[in-house]
């Protein structure tokens, strides 16, 4: 419910003439049907999609569209839910590699030739209201909505060539997750997820160990 505005805005932005919306396909509700292609816009965790995607991919090409905010503004609303108390730019900025936080849930499906993945790098507002049950870390302020400001860039990640860009120049071959993190540069948990997903895509393979660290080699 808190992501309804963002999801609706992205459907409008993504739509082409002739698209059909909220269509039931094989017992599942699909955001957009474009000819033979099924388009699913996911603003939440990918983990909840595994069963749905696995079923739809048996018979249909599916494009999974994911908005990743590279710029976020925090908007606080008054008790009336309308008046803006404050608006500030978040210090946290998303990066393209952050998509692997979610992709790791679908790693075993990523090698399916019918699955397409598209990341929309966005600017958005995160709307918060005060509530006694809100996050204690945010002193009671909880997220109630996300709003699209604009789509900055769209990146397709459903080909091995596109995913190889996450293996930076100068990376040893074979390499460890620690070496991938340093060369990226990526946060260590992100680097681990990248290696895991690329292994399931067949872009890298395990090539022994260096001490306790797994070695990966490009294919």
C-alpha atoms as a PDB file:
ATOM      1  CA  UNK A   1       0.000   0.000   0.000  1.00  0.00           C
ATOM      2  CA  UNK A   2       2.843   2.377   0.797  1.00  0.00           C
ATOM      3  CA  UNK A   3       4.267   1.972  -2.712  1.00  0.00           C
ATOM      4  CA  UNK A   4       1.043   2.383  -4.647  1.00  0.00           C
ATOM      5  CA  UNK A   5       1.849   5.865  -6.026  1.00  0.00           C
ATOM      6  CA  UNK A   6       5.261   4.839  -7.333  1.00  0.00           C
ATOM      7  CA  UNK A   7       3.935   1.675  -8.928  1.00  0.00           C
ATOM      8  CA  UNK A   8       1.073   3.486 -10.666  1.00  0.00           C
ATOM      9  CA  UNK A   9       3.359   6.249 -11.922  1.00  0.00           C
ATOM     10  CA  UNK A  10       5.824   3.739 -13.354  1.00  0.00           C
ATOM     11  CA  UNK A  11       3.058   1.896 -15.182  1.00  0.00           C
ATOM     12  CA  UNK A  12       1.982   5.163 -16.815  1.00  0.00           C
ATOM     13  CA  UNK A  13       5.586   6.026 -17.693  1.00  0.00           C
ATOM     14  CA  UNK A  14       6.320   2.590 -19.116  1.00  0.00           C
ATOM     15  CA  UNK A  15       3.111   2.181 -21.100  1.00  0.00           C
ATOM     16  CA  UNK A  16       3.021   1.942 -24.891  1.00  0.00           C
ATOM     17  CA  UNK A  17      -0.060   2.262 -27.118  1.00  0.00           C
ATOM     18  CA  UNK A  18      -1.883  -1.054 -27.244  1.00  0.00           C
ATOM     19  CA  UNK A  19      -0.694  -2.264 -23.844  1.00  0.00           C
ATOM     20  CA  UNK A  20      -3.187  -4.042 -21.581  1.00  0.00           C
ATOM     21  CA  UNK A  21      -3.058  -3.512 -17.819  1.00  0.00           C
ATOM     22  CA  UNK A  22      -3.705  -5.760 -14.825  1.00  0.00           C
ATOM     23  CA  UNK A  23      -4.386  -8.860 -16.903  1.00  0.00           C
ATOM     24  CA  UNK A  24      -4.783 -12.321 -15.399  1.00  0.00           C
ATOM     25  CA  UNK A  25      -2.327 -14.733 -17.059  1.00  0.00           C
ATOM     26  CA  UNK A  26      -2.116 -18.375 -15.972  1.00  0.00           C
ATOM     27  CA  UNK A  27      -3.796 -17.448 -12.702  1.00  0.00           C
ATOM     28  CA  UNK A  28      -1.473 -14.514 -11.914  1.00  0.00           C
ATOM     29  CA  UNK A  29      -2.140 -10.785 -12.134  1.00  0.00           C
ATOM     30  CA  UNK A  30       0.328  -9.149 -14.554  1.00  0.00           C
ATOM     31  CA  UNK A  31       0.955  -5.406 -14.634  1.00  0.00           C
ATOM     32  CA  UNK A  32       1.309  -4.962 -18.404  1.00  0.00           C
ATOM     33  CA  UNK A  33       0.746  -7.311 -21.337  1.00  0.00           C
ATOM     34  CA  UNK A  34       2.455  -6.129 -24.524  1.00  0.00           C
ATOM     35  CA  UNK A  35       1.741  -8.654 -27.257  1.00  0.00           C
ATOM     36  CA  UNK A  36       3.455 -11.865 -26.122  1.00  0.00           C
ATOM     37  CA  UNK A  37       5.575 -10.039 -23.536  1.00  0.00           C
ATOM     38  CA  UNK A  38       4.549  -9.842 -19.877  1.00  0.00           C
ATOM     39  CA  UNK A  39       5.884  -6.804 -17.997  1.00  0.00           C
ATOM     40  CA  UNK A  40       6.027  -6.923 -14.206  1.00  0.00           C
ATOM     41  CA  UNK A  41       6.986  -3.737 -12.339  1.00  0.00           C
ATOM     42  CA  UNK A  42       8.322  -4.637  -8.918  1.00  0.00           C
ATOM     43  CA  UNK A  43       8.907  -1.953  -6.294  1.00  0.00           C
ATOM     44  CA  UNK A  44       9.206  -4.427  -3.428  1.00  0.00           C
ATOM     45  CA  UNK A  45      11.367  -7.432  -2.639  1.00  0.00           C
ATOM     46  CA  UNK A  46      12.046  -9.881  -5.468  1.00  0.00           C
ATOM     47  CA  UNK A  47      11.711 -12.790  -3.073  1.00  0.00           C
ATOM     48  CA  UNK A  48       7.916 -12.541  -3.203  1.00  0.00           C
ATOM     49  CA  UNK A  49       8.030 -12.997  -6.996  1.00  0.00           C
ATOM     50  CA  UNK A  50       9.896 -16.290  -7.244  1.00  0.00           C
ATOM     51  CA  UNK A  51       6.886 -18.596  -7.527  1.00  0.00           C
ATOM     52  CA  UNK A  52       5.022 -16.243  -9.860  1.00  0.00           C
ATOM     53  CA  UNK A  53       7.984 -15.729 -12.182  1.00  0.00           C
ATOM     54  CA  UNK A  54       8.905 -19.402 -12.282  1.00  0.00           C
ATOM     55  CA  UNK A  55       5.341 -20.278 -13.336  1.00  0.00           C
ATOM     56  CA  UNK A  56       5.002 -17.528 -15.947  1.00  0.00           C
ATOM     57  CA  UNK A  57       8.426 -18.222 -17.482  1.00  0.00           C
ATOM     58  CA  UNK A  58       7.360 -21.740 -18.376  1.00  0.00           C
ATOM     59  CA  UNK A  59       5.228 -20.332 -21.208  1.00  0.00           C
ATOM     60  CA  UNK A  60       5.909 -16.603 -21.585  1.00  0.00           C
ATOM     61  CA  UNK A  61       8.723 -14.064 -21.950  1.00  0.00           C
ATOM     62  CA  UNK A  62       8.689 -11.855 -18.857  1.00  0.00           C
ATOM     63  CA  UNK A  63      10.334  -8.471 -18.387  1.00  0.00           C
ATOM     64  CA  UNK A  64      10.968  -7.592 -14.740  1.00  0.00           C
ATOM     65  CA  UNK A  65      11.238  -3.821 -14.257  1.00  0.00           C
ATOM     66  CA  UNK A  66      12.806  -2.512 -11.060  1.00  0.00           C
ATOM     67  CA  UNK A  67      13.073   1.153  -9.987  1.00  0.00           C
ATOM     68  CA  UNK A  68      16.290   1.962  -8.162  1.00  0.00           C
ATOM     69  CA  UNK A  69      16.477   5.495  -6.691  1.00  0.00           C
ATOM     70  CA  UNK A  70      19.801   7.213  -7.360  1.00  0.00           C
ATOM     71  CA  UNK A  71      18.412  10.365  -5.759  1.00  0.00           C
ATOM     72  CA  UNK A  72      15.863  10.410  -2.966  1.00  0.00           C
ATOM     73  CA  UNK A  73      14.056  13.241  -1.211  1.00  0.00           C
ATOM     74  CA  UNK A  74      12.557  12.720   2.246  1.00  0.00           C
ATOM     75  CA  UNK A  75       9.176  14.428   2.661  1.00  0.00           C
ATOM     76  CA  UNK A  76       7.549  14.659   6.090  1.00  0.00           C
ATOM     77  CA  UNK A  77       3.809  15.252   6.295  1.00  0.00           C
ATOM     78  CA  UNK A  78       1.811  16.862   9.095  1.00  0.00           C
ATOM     79  CA  UNK A  79      -0.900  14.979  10.958  1.00  0.00           C
ATOM     80  CA  UNK A  80      -3.458  15.934   8.289  1.00  0.00           C
ATOM     81  CA  UNK A  81      -1.529  13.808   5.797  1.00  0.00           C
ATOM     82  CA  UNK A  82      -1.392  16.681   3.295  1.00  0.00           C
ATOM     83  CA  UNK A  83       0.708  19.563   4.620  1.00  0.00           C
ATOM     84  CA  UNK A  84       4.465  19.239   4.110  1.00  0.00           C
ATOM     85  CA  UNK A  85       6.466  19.750   7.301  1.00  0.00           C
ATOM     86  CA  UNK A  86       9.892  19.366   5.689  1.00  0.00           C
ATOM     87  CA  UNK A  87      11.609  18.181   2.516  1.00  0.00           C
ATOM     88  CA  UNK A  88      15.279  17.284   2.350  1.00  0.00           C
ATOM     89  CA  UNK A  89      17.595  15.367   0.080  1.00  0.00           C
ATOM     90  CA  UNK A  90      18.711  12.008   1.448  1.00  0.00           C
ATOM     91  CA  UNK A  91      22.441  11.516   1.875  1.00  0.00           C
ATOM     92  CA  UNK A  92      22.079   7.933   0.657  1.00  0.00           C
ATOM     93  CA  UNK A  93      22.312   7.540  -3.107  1.00  0.00           C
ATOM     94  CA  UNK A  94      21.635   4.255  -4.842  1.00  0.00           C
ATOM     95  CA  UNK A  95      24.053   2.701  -7.329  1.00  0.00           C
ATOM     96  CA  UNK A  96      23.300   0.341 -10.200  1.00  0.00           C
ATOM     97  CA  UNK A  97      25.018  -2.564  -8.443  1.00  0.00           C
ATOM     98  CA  UNK A  98      22.476  -2.276  -5.612  1.00  0.00           C
ATOM     99  CA  UNK A  99      20.078  -4.217  -7.833  1.00  0.00           C
ATOM    100  CA  UNK A 100      21.964  -7.368  -6.808  1.00  0.00           C
ATOM    101  CA  UNK A 101      20.532  -6.996  -3.293  1.00  0.00           C
ATOM    102  CA  UNK A 102      17.284  -8.148  -4.897  1.00  0.00           C
ATOM    103  CA  UNK A 103      18.590 -10.192  -7.836  1.00  0.00           C
ATOM    104  CA  UNK A 104      20.212 -12.687  -5.500  1.00  0.00           C
ATOM    105  CA  UNK A 105      16.690 -13.945  -4.698  1.00  0.00           C
ATOM    106  CA  UNK A 106      16.174 -14.798  -8.379  1.00  0.00           C
ATOM    107  CA  UNK A 107      19.669 -16.079  -9.169  1.00  0.00           C
ATOM    108  CA  UNK A 108      18.427 -19.518 -10.193  1.00  0.00           C
ATOM    109  CA  UNK A 109      16.009 -17.954 -12.691  1.00  0.00           C
ATOM    110  CA  UNK A 110      18.476 -15.517 -14.237  1.00  0.00           C
ATOM    111  CA  UNK A 111      19.759 -18.041 -16.744  1.00  0.00           C
ATOM    112  CA  UNK A 112      16.267 -18.488 -18.202  1.00  0.00           C
ATOM    113  CA  UNK A 113      16.330 -17.004 -21.743  1.00  0.00           C
ATOM    114  CA  UNK A 114      12.721 -15.839 -21.339  1.00  0.00           C
ATOM    115  CA  UNK A 115      13.552 -13.590 -18.384  1.00  0.00           C
ATOM    116  CA  UNK A 116      14.438  -9.965 -19.095  1.00  0.00           C
ATOM    117  CA  UNK A 117      15.592  -7.591 -16.371  1.00  0.00           C
ATOM    118  CA  UNK A 118      15.427  -3.833 -16.707  1.00  0.00           C
ATOM    119  CA  UNK A 119      16.513  -1.361 -14.040  1.00  0.00           C
ATOM    120  CA  UNK A 120      15.074   2.151 -14.005  1.00  0.00           C
ATOM    121  CA  UNK A 121      17.399   4.578 -12.252  1.00  0.00           C
ATOM    122  CA  UNK A 122      15.064   7.133 -10.720  1.00  0.00           C
ATOM    123  CA  UNK A 123      14.678  10.264  -8.677  1.00  0.00           C
ATOM    124  CA  UNK A 124      11.896   9.844  -6.144  1.00  0.00           C
ATOM    125  CA  UNK A 125      10.305  11.125  -2.963  1.00  0.00           C
ATOM    126  CA  UNK A 126       9.907   8.990   0.132  1.00  0.00           C
ATOM    127  CA  UNK A 127       6.907  10.283   2.057  1.00  0.00           C
ATOM    128  CA  UNK A 128       6.831   9.838   5.834  1.00  0.00           C
ATOM    129  CA  UNK A 129       4.206  10.425   8.504  1.00  0.00           C
ATOM    130  CA  UNK A 130       4.558  10.370  12.257  1.00  0.00           C
ATOM    131  CA  UNK A 131       3.044   7.392  14.034  1.00  0.00           C
ATOM    132  CA  UNK A 132       3.402   5.908  17.478  1.00  0.00           C
ATOM    133  CA  UNK A 133       4.056   2.589  15.746  1.00  0.00           C
ATOM    134  CA  UNK A 134       6.654   4.070  13.363  1.00  0.00           C
ATOM    135  CA  UNK A 135      10.304   3.096  13.299  1.00  0.00           C
ATOM    136  CA  UNK A 136      12.143   3.838  16.530  1.00  0.00           C
ATOM    137  CA  UNK A 137      15.256   4.549  14.484  1.00  0.00           C
ATOM    138  CA  UNK A 138      13.352   7.334  12.741  1.00  0.00           C
ATOM    139  CA  UNK A 139      11.828   8.543  16.010  1.00  0.00           C
ATOM    140  CA  UNK A 140       8.349   7.405  15.050  1.00  0.00           C
ATOM    141  CA  UNK A 141       8.369   8.553  11.439  1.00  0.00           C
ATOM    142  CA  UNK A 142       7.292   5.761   9.071  1.00  0.00           C
ATOM    143  CA  UNK A 143       7.234   5.565   5.268  1.00  0.00           C
ATOM    144  CA  UNK A 144       3.702   5.836   3.901  1.00  0.00           C
ATOM    145  CA  UNK A 145       4.341   6.380   0.193  1.00  0.00           C
ATOM    146  CA  UNK A 146       6.932   6.636  -2.561  1.00  0.00           C
ATOM    147  CA  UNK A 147       6.507   9.072  -5.432  1.00  0.00           C
ATOM    148  CA  UNK A 148       8.248   9.153  -8.789  1.00  0.00           C
ATOM    149  CA  UNK A 149       9.959  12.421  -9.751  1.00  0.00           C
ATOM    150  CA  UNK A 150      11.615  11.216 -12.949  1.00  0.00           C
ATOM    151  CA  UNK A 151      13.313   8.272 -14.634  1.00  0.00           C
ATOM    152  CA  UNK A 152      16.953   9.221 -15.186  1.00  0.00           C
ATOM    153  CA  UNK A 153      18.141   6.171 -17.104  1.00  0.00           C
ATOM    154  CA  UNK A 154      17.075   2.680 -18.042  1.00  0.00           C
ATOM    155  CA  UNK A 155      19.517  -0.236 -18.049  1.00  0.00           C
ATOM    156  CA  UNK A 156      18.833  -3.689 -19.488  1.00  0.00           C
ATOM    157  CA  UNK A 157      20.574  -6.524 -17.647  1.00  0.00           C
ATOM    158  CA  UNK A 158      19.220  -9.623 -19.334  1.00  0.00           C
ATOM    159  CA  UNK A 159      22.244 -10.486 -21.477  1.00  0.00           C
ATOM    160  CA  UNK A 160      25.589 -11.919 -20.357  1.00  0.00           C
ATOM    161  CA  UNK A 161      27.391  -9.027 -22.086  1.00  0.00           C
ATOM    162  CA  UNK A 162      25.431  -6.490 -20.035  1.00  0.00           C
ATOM    163  CA  UNK A 163      26.159  -8.298 -16.776  1.00  0.00           C
ATOM    164  CA  UNK A 164      29.873  -8.605 -17.525  1.00  0.00           C
ATOM    165  CA  UNK A 165      30.189  -4.855 -16.961  1.00  0.00           C
ATOM    166  CA  UNK A 166      30.107  -5.628 -13.227  1.00  0.00           C
ATOM    167  CA  UNK A 167      33.493  -7.341 -13.616  1.00  0.00           C
ATOM    168  CA  UNK A 168      35.800  -4.286 -13.705  1.00  0.00           C
ATOM    169  CA  UNK A 169      38.979  -3.904 -15.714  1.00  0.00           C
ATOM    170  CA  UNK A 170      42.066  -4.951 -13.802  1.00  0.00           C
ATOM    171  CA  UNK A 171      40.272  -7.697 -11.906  1.00  0.00           C
ATOM    172  CA  UNK A 172      42.531 -10.779 -11.557  1.00  0.00           C
ATOM    173  CA  UNK A 173      41.480 -13.997 -13.223  1.00  0.00           C
ATOM    174  CA  UNK A 174      40.699 -16.000 -11.196  1.00  0.00           C
ATOM    175  CA  UNK A 175      39.471 -13.639  -8.471  1.00  0.00           C
ATOM    176  CA  UNK A 176      37.945 -13.713  -5.012  1.00  0.00           C
ATOM    177  CA  UNK A 177      34.948 -11.777  -3.712  1.00  0.00           C
ATOM    178  CA  UNK A 178      37.341  -9.559  -1.744  1.00  0.00           C
ATOM    179  CA  UNK A 179      39.248  -8.722  -4.938  1.00  0.00           C
ATOM    180  CA  UNK A 180      35.987  -8.002  -6.765  1.00  0.00           C
ATOM    181  CA  UNK A 181      34.907  -5.676  -3.945  1.00  0.00           C
ATOM    182  CA  UNK A 182      38.211  -3.791  -4.071  1.00  0.00           C
ATOM    183  CA  UNK A 183      38.274  -3.494  -7.864  1.00  0.00           C
ATOM    184  CA  UNK A 184      34.613  -2.469  -8.195  1.00  0.00           C
ATOM    185  CA  UNK A 185      34.728  -0.739  -5.857  1.00  0.00           C
ATOM    186  CA  UNK A 186      31.731  -2.444  -4.273  1.00  0.00           C
ATOM    187  CA  UNK A 187      30.632  -3.041  -0.718  1.00  0.00           C
ATOM    188  CA  UNK A 188      31.727  -6.551   0.250  1.00  0.00           C
ATOM    189  CA  UNK A 189      28.131  -7.928   0.598  1.00  0.00           C
ATOM    190  CA  UNK A 190      27.256  -6.546  -2.858  1.00  0.00           C
ATOM    191  CA  UNK A 191      30.358  -8.140  -4.380  1.00  0.00           C
ATOM    192  CA  UNK A 192      29.343 -11.499  -2.935  1.00  0.00           C
ATOM    193  CA  UNK A 193      25.889 -11.199  -4.468  1.00  0.00           C
ATOM    194  CA  UNK A 194      27.342 -10.207  -7.841  1.00  0.00           C
ATOM    195  CA  UNK A 195      29.599 -13.275  -7.898  1.00  0.00           C
ATOM    196  CA  UNK A 196      26.701 -15.529  -6.849  1.00  0.00           C
ATOM    197  CA  UNK A 197      24.383 -14.239  -9.584  1.00  0.00           C
ATOM    198  CA  UNK A 198      27.025 -14.274 -12.313  1.00  0.00           C
ATOM    199  CA  UNK A 199      27.835 -17.871 -11.425  1.00  0.00           C
ATOM    200  CA  UNK A 200      24.198 -18.845 -11.956  1.00  0.00           C
ATOM    201  CA  UNK A 201      24.250 -17.013 -15.295  1.00  0.00           C
ATOM    202  CA  UNK A 202      27.330 -18.997 -16.350  1.00  0.00           C
ATOM    203  CA  UNK A 203      29.382 -15.807 -16.677  1.00  0.00           C
ATOM    204  CA  UNK A 204      31.848 -17.039 -14.053  1.00  0.00           C
ATOM    205  CA  UNK A 205      32.591 -20.482 -12.675  1.00  0.00           C
ATOM    206  CA  UNK A 206      34.144 -21.634  -9.429  1.00  0.00           C
ATOM    207  CA  UNK A 207      37.856 -22.345  -9.872  1.00  0.00           C
ATOM    208  CA  UNK A 208      39.083 -23.686  -6.570  1.00  0.00           C
ATOM    209  CA  UNK A 209      40.032 -21.783  -3.439  1.00  0.00           C
ATOM    210  CA  UNK A 210      42.575 -19.315  -2.178  1.00  0.00           C
ATOM    211  CA  UNK A 211      42.790 -20.167   1.498  1.00  0.00           C
ATOM    212  CA  UNK A 212      39.158 -20.130   2.637  1.00  0.00           C
ATOM    213  CA  UNK A 213      38.031 -17.841  -0.202  1.00  0.00           C
ATOM    214  CA  UNK A 214      36.328 -19.238  -3.303  1.00  0.00           C
ATOM    215  CA  UNK A 215      38.039 -18.392  -6.586  1.00  0.00           C
ATOM    216  CA  UNK A 216      35.952 -17.423  -9.617  1.00  0.00           C
ATOM    217  CA  UNK A 217      37.064 -17.479 -13.238  1.00  0.00           C
ATOM    218  CA  UNK A 218      35.459 -15.736 -16.203  1.00  0.00           C
ATOM    219  CA  UNK A 219      33.964 -18.062 -18.810  1.00  0.00           C
END
